[in-house]
Amino acid sequence: MKLNKNVFIPHRWVGLKGLTRFFIFLFYIPLIIFLYSGVQWVIALLTPAEKLAVYSAPIKQLWASAAVQSLLLLVLLAGVIALLRALGAIAKQTLKK
């Protein structure tokens, strides 16, 4: 029995459609974090400064940075999903020929 040297590449196990679904699933995790941190940031903006001074860290900056980081991760994952879908379309076209 001859062993294919490409069998150990992970995307061969799941397939392109499975990878696309996995990254779509991963897309929703930072989306939830973005929505939560965005709401918390707006609440922190509406909270009086005297009440925020009780905390030791700058709360507004923490929630804003969490929202920005999760938004950047959303853009990255959306790019990976678009790339995988483009690869899937190319694979379908080559199979039709």
Protein backbone atom coordinates (compact mmCIF):
# COMPACT_ATOMS: atom_id res chain seq x y z
CA MET A 1 0.00 0.00 0.00
CA LYS A 2 1.44 3.33 -1.07
CA LEU A 3 0.94 6.23 1.34
CA ASN A 4 0.22 9.62 -0.18
CA LYS A 5 2.60 12.23 1.24
CA ASN A 6 -0.20 14.86 1.28
CA VAL A 7 -2.48 12.83 3.54
CA PHE A 8 -1.13 14.54 6.66
CA ILE A 9 -2.17 18.04 5.57
CA PRO A 10 -5.18 18.97 7.78
CA HIS A 11 -7.30 20.53 5.04
CA ARG A 12 -7.29 17.16 3.28
CA TRP A 13 -9.07 15.62 6.26
CA VAL A 14 -11.93 18.09 6.46
CA GLY A 15 -12.17 19.32 2.90
CA LEU A 16 -12.67 22.82 1.61
CA LYS A 17 -16.37 22.94 2.49
CA GLY A 18 -15.64 21.81 6.05
CA LEU A 19 -12.93 24.45 6.46
CA THR A 20 -15.30 27.13 5.20
CA ARG A 21 -17.94 26.09 7.72
CA PHE A 22 -15.35 26.01 10.51
CA PHE A 23 -14.19 29.57 9.80
CA ILE A 24 -17.80 30.76 9.53
CA PHE A 25 -18.34 29.27 13.01
CA LEU A 26 -15.21 31.05 14.25
CA PHE A 27 -16.53 34.30 12.72
CA TYR A 28 -19.44 34.44 15.16
CA ILE A 29 -17.27 34.29 18.31
CA PRO A 30 -15.59 37.69 17.77
CA LEU A 31 -18.90 39.06 16.48
CA ILE A 32 -20.47 38.31 19.86
CA ILE A 33 -17.43 39.79 21.64
CA PHE A 34 -17.64 42.90 19.44
CA LEU A 35 -21.32 43.41 20.18
CA TYR A 36 -20.85 42.89 23.92
CA SER A 37 -17.80 45.14 24.21
CA GLY A 38 -19.46 47.77 22.03
CA VAL A 39 -22.49 47.88 24.31
CA GLN A 40 -20.25 48.03 27.39
CA TRP A 41 -18.22 50.85 25.83
CA VAL A 42 -21.38 52.87 25.13
CA ILE A 43 -22.54 52.28 28.71
CA ALA A 44 -19.11 53.44 29.96
CA LEU A 45 -19.39 56.56 27.82
CA LEU A 46 -22.76 57.37 29.35
CA THR A 47 -21.59 56.74 32.92
CA PRO A 48 -20.54 59.84 34.88
CA ALA A 49 -16.78 60.30 35.34
CA GLU A 50 -17.05 60.27 39.14
CA LYS A 51 -18.51 56.78 39.09
CA LEU A 52 -15.88 55.54 36.66
CA ALA A 53 -13.10 56.96 38.85
CA VAL A 54 -13.87 54.24 41.41
CA TYR A 55 -12.27 51.65 39.12
CA SER A 56 -8.51 51.43 38.82
CA ALA A 57 -8.27 51.01 35.04
CA PRO A 58 -9.51 53.34 32.30
CA ILE A 59 -12.71 51.46 31.53
CA LYS A 60 -13.54 53.39 28.36
CA GLN A 61 -10.19 52.54 26.80
CA LEU A 62 -10.45 48.87 27.76
CA TRP A 63 -13.88 48.40 26.18
CA ALA A 64 -12.90 50.39 23.10
CA SER A 65 -9.76 48.34 22.57
CA ALA A 66 -11.70 45.10 23.02
CA ALA A 67 -14.20 46.26 20.41
CA VAL A 68 -11.46 47.27 17.96
CA GLN A 69 -9.53 44.01 18.41
CA SER A 70 -12.61 41.88 17.87
CA LEU A 71 -13.52 43.98 14.81
CA LEU A 72 -10.06 43.38 13.35
CA LEU A 73 -10.46 39.66 13.96
CA LEU A 74 -13.85 39.79 12.22
CA VAL A 75 -12.26 41.39 9.16
CA LEU A 76 -9.48 38.79 9.14
CA LEU A 77 -11.90 35.88 9.41
CA ALA A 78 -14.15 37.38 6.72
CA GLY A 79 -11.11 37.53 4.44
CA VAL A 80 -10.28 33.87 5.14
CA ILE A 81 -13.90 32.88 4.46
CA ALA A 82 -13.89 34.82 1.17
CA LEU A 83 -10.62 33.15 0.17
CA LEU A 84 -11.96 29.69 0.95
CA ARG A 85 -15.15 30.37 -1.01
CA ALA A 86 -13.09 31.59 -3.98
CA LEU A 87 -10.99 28.43 -3.80
CA GLY A 88 -14.20 26.40 -3.72
CA ALA A 89 -15.50 28.18 -6.83
CA ILE A 90 -12.20 27.59 -8.63
CA ALA A 91 -12.28 23.92 -7.65
CA LYS A 92 -15.83 23.56 -9.01
CA GLN A 93 -14.86 25.20 -12.29
CA THR A 94 -11.88 22.93 -12.77
CA LEU A 95 -14.00 19.86 -12.03
CA LYS A 96 -16.57 20.89 -14.65
CA LYS A 97 -13.90 21.13 -17.37
